[in-house]
């Protein structure tokens, strides 16, 4: 099957292509090979990646080792400029003070401050 070309969004001089890749949801242990392969297979034919966006459950307090491993692997495939452009959207929390997730774990996984 061909990769989803995503949706194009124009914001002034910027032209963004948003692609929804397979996620890491439901990972048990360190079994990241299949989700990682799905993400790589989805992105490879689309050309360079300049930024990544993550959707994270804000009610979770820590990043599991499986998620950290998967995110580290994905980021190792990206140019350093993409790792510098990480956007995180927290779900299940109405304000920043209601977010339980420790963001430092994300920064450690992408080797850049998130």
Foldseek 3Di string as FASTA:
>chain_A
DAADQADWDDDPPDIDGDGDWQDDPPDDDQPQVVSLVRRCRNCVVNDADQEEEEEEAQQDQEDDPNNLVNLLVNLVPHDLNHLQHYHYHYPPADDPVRGNYDQVSVCVSSVHRD
